[in-house]
Protein backbone atom coordinates (compact mmCIF):
# COMPACT_ATOMS: atom_id res chain seq x y z
CA UNK A 1 -3.44 168.86 208.17
CA UNK A 2 0.54 168.00 207.22
CA UNK A 3 0.61 169.54 203.41
CA UNK A 4 2.26 166.81 201.32
CA UNK A 5 5.17 167.49 199.43
CA UNK A 6 4.96 167.99 195.67
CA UNK A 7 6.55 165.08 195.48
CA UNK A 8 4.34 163.15 196.47
CA UNK A 9 1.79 165.09 195.21
CA UNK A 10 3.44 164.46 191.67
CA UNK A 11 3.59 160.93 192.41
CA UNK A 12 -0.26 160.69 193.29
CA UNK A 13 -1.22 162.66 190.25
CA UNK A 14 0.90 160.37 187.97
CA UNK A 15 -0.89 157.26 189.41
CA UNK A 16 -4.39 158.64 189.70
CA UNK A 17 -4.25 160.17 185.82
CA UNK A 18 -2.33 156.52 184.54
CA UNK A 19 -5.79 154.95 186.61
CA UNK A 20 -8.42 157.58 184.89
CA UNK A 21 -7.08 157.10 181.14
CA UNK A 22 -7.06 153.03 181.32
CA UNK A 23 -10.83 153.44 182.89
CA UNK A 24 -12.12 155.09 179.64
CA UNK A 25 -9.96 152.84 177.43
CA UNK A 26 -11.89 149.19 179.53
CA UNK A 27 -15.31 150.58 179.70
CA UNK A 28 -15.44 150.31 176.23
CA UNK A 29 -16.43 146.69 175.43
CA UNK A 30 -13.19 144.86 174.60
CA UNK A 31 -13.61 143.82 170.33
CA UNK A 32 -14.56 147.96 169.64
CA UNK A 33 -10.99 148.81 171.80
CA UNK A 34 -8.66 148.65 168.80
CA UNK A 35 -11.00 150.65 166.55
CA UNK A 36 -9.54 153.65 164.86
CA UNK A 37 -11.92 156.79 164.35
CA UNK A 38 -11.97 159.29 161.60
CA UNK A 39 -10.19 162.15 162.89
CA UNK A 40 -7.81 164.30 160.22
CA UNK A 41 -5.40 164.46 163.83
CA UNK A 42 -2.44 161.96 164.53
CA UNK A 43 -3.80 159.66 167.50
CA UNK A 44 -7.05 157.62 166.12
CA UNK A 45 -7.78 154.72 168.56
CA UNK A 46 -6.09 153.81 172.07
CA UNK A 47 -2.54 152.22 170.82
CA UNK A 48 -1.70 155.03 169.37
CA UNK A 49 -2.47 158.03 172.01
CA UNK A 50 -1.14 155.19 174.73
CA UNK A 51 2.69 154.29 172.58
CA UNK A 52 2.49 158.30 171.97
CA UNK A 53 3.19 158.63 175.70
CA UNK A 54 4.72 155.55 176.25
CA UNK A 55 7.72 156.99 173.47
CA UNK A 56 7.86 159.67 175.97
CA UNK A 57 8.39 157.92 178.77
CA UNK A 58 11.41 156.94 177.12
CA UNK A 59 12.60 160.46 176.17
CA UNK A 60 12.11 161.09 179.26
CA UNK A 61 14.28 158.31 180.39
CA UNK A 62 16.92 158.63 178.12
CA UNK A 63 17.64 162.33 179.05
CA UNK A 64 17.53 161.37 182.85
CA UNK A 65 19.65 158.99 182.08
CA UNK A 66 22.38 160.91 180.28
CA UNK A 67 21.84 164.03 181.96
CA UNK A 68 22.99 162.31 185.33
CA UNK A 69 25.87 160.62 183.34
CA UNK A 70 27.09 164.51 183.19
CA UNK A 71 25.92 164.42 179.63
CA UNK A 72 23.55 167.47 178.07
CA UNK A 73 20.82 165.07 176.25
CA UNK A 74 19.55 166.29 173.25
CA UNK A 75 16.14 167.17 173.65
CA UNK A 76 13.15 166.34 173.19
CA UNK A 77 15.30 163.54 170.20
CA UNK A 78 18.36 163.15 167.81
CA UNK A 79 17.47 164.77 164.72
CA UNK A 80 14.36 166.61 166.18
CA UNK A 81 14.03 170.02 167.77
CA UNK A 82 10.69 171.75 169.91
CA UNK A 83 10.69 173.41 166.32
CA UNK A 84 9.03 170.76 164.63
CA UNK A 85 7.46 168.80 167.38
CA UNK A 86 5.31 167.38 165.15
CA UNK A 87 7.78 165.95 162.49
CA UNK A 88 8.78 163.71 165.68
CA UNK A 89 5.56 163.21 166.96
CA UNK A 90 4.37 161.93 163.42
CA UNK A 91 7.47 159.48 163.60
CA UNK A 92 6.24 157.75 167.28
CA UNK A 93 2.82 157.30 165.29
CA UNK A 94 4.19 155.86 162.23
CA UNK A 95 7.16 153.50 164.61
CA UNK A 96 4.27 151.98 166.52
CA UNK A 97 1.51 151.34 164.03
CA UNK A 98 2.11 147.28 164.43
CA UNK A 99 1.55 147.29 167.70
CA UNK A 100 -1.40 145.60 169.61
CA UNK A 101 -3.61 147.44 171.85
CA UNK A 102 -3.05 144.55 174.94
CA UNK A 103 1.31 144.58 173.81
CA UNK A 104 0.69 149.32 174.47
CA UNK A 105 -1.00 149.01 177.78
CA UNK A 106 1.89 145.94 178.57
CA UNK A 107 4.53 149.20 177.36
CA UNK A 108 2.69 151.82 178.98
CA UNK A 109 2.31 150.82 182.33
CA UNK A 110 6.22 149.49 182.55
CA UNK A 111 7.51 153.34 181.88
CA UNK A 112 5.52 154.81 184.01
CA UNK A 113 6.90 152.46 186.39
CA UNK A 114 9.74 152.64 185.43
CA UNK A 115 9.46 157.08 185.78
CA UNK A 116 7.70 156.63 189.18
CA UNK A 117 10.71 154.88 190.37
CA UNK A 118 12.92 157.69 188.83
CA UNK A 119 10.43 160.30 191.03
CA UNK A 120 10.48 158.12 194.24
CA UNK A 121 15.01 157.84 194.01
CA UNK A 122 14.95 161.85 194.62
CA UNK A 123 14.18 163.84 197.14
CA UNK A 124 12.03 166.05 196.88
CA UNK A 125 14.05 168.90 196.99
CA UNK A 126 16.36 167.72 194.36
CA UNK A 127 13.11 167.43 192.48
CA UNK A 128 12.03 170.80 192.76
CA UNK A 129 15.09 172.84 193.26
CA UNK A 130 15.52 174.82 189.64
CA UNK A 131 19.30 174.50 188.35
CA UNK A 132 20.13 171.73 191.00
CA UNK A 133 20.91 169.79 187.78
CA UNK A 134 22.77 170.76 185.57
CA UNK A 135 21.11 169.28 182.23
CA UNK A 136 17.93 170.60 182.63
CA UNK A 137 19.10 174.05 182.97
CA UNK A 138 16.43 176.80 184.44
CA UNK A 139 14.62 173.85 185.21
CA UNK A 140 13.48 171.10 187.65
CA UNK A 141 12.76 167.49 187.82
CA UNK A 142 9.73 168.47 188.38
CA UNK A 143 9.15 170.22 185.06
CA UNK A 144 10.58 167.38 183.10
CA UNK A 145 8.60 164.47 185.37
CA UNK A 146 5.16 165.62 185.05
CA UNK A 147 5.52 167.06 181.40
CA UNK A 148 5.96 163.61 180.46
CA UNK A 149 3.39 162.10 183.15
CA UNK A 150 0.99 163.67 185.78
CA UNK A 151 0.23 166.82 182.85
CA UNK A 152 0.72 164.05 179.46
CA UNK A 153 -2.13 161.74 181.08
CA UNK A 154 -4.64 164.23 181.23
CA UNK A 155 -3.49 165.51 177.29
CA UNK A 156 -4.11 161.68 177.35
CA UNK A 157 -6.90 161.71 178.78
CA UNK A 158 -8.75 164.11 177.03
CA UNK A 159 -8.05 162.13 173.40
CA UNK A 160 -9.20 158.87 174.82
CA UNK A 161 -12.83 160.53 176.23
CA UNK A 162 -13.20 161.91 172.16
CA UNK A 163 -11.81 157.99 170.76
CA UNK A 164 -14.19 156.20 173.84
CA UNK A 165 -17.31 158.73 172.52
CA UNK A 166 -16.53 158.06 168.49
CA UNK A 167 -16.70 154.49 168.80
């Protein structure tokens, strides 16, 4: 058996985890999918979780675009540092309170496909080699892609399971 490349494994995990996430939402009767749960945490419904993922895709796309243009992207977002990520995530939550769940699903699916296209546009070597691109500093593209897709989807699956089991 031929070992799959890190790129192929990443693509498979991204799609598999997104599918699992959407299946959790689809397992809830449609009339209940918009229900918010009582929780002190930021994400109170499926829409909140999906828009969080969507916005992190958009940020990744900006980092990628600016980095590939030769700039050093401001991460995580202009006006925010990694040390105040909770404030950024709260701002994301506030920005999407008027979005309907079906719109959130569409937006997430589209941003997922755009990020998958970015991954597909690179060779395995370009994805896994540390310092291959100046903008990734001491890291590699793989860590940026995985953190904002497959790994983030695992977090979202756990959140959505809690929501699904609470409504």
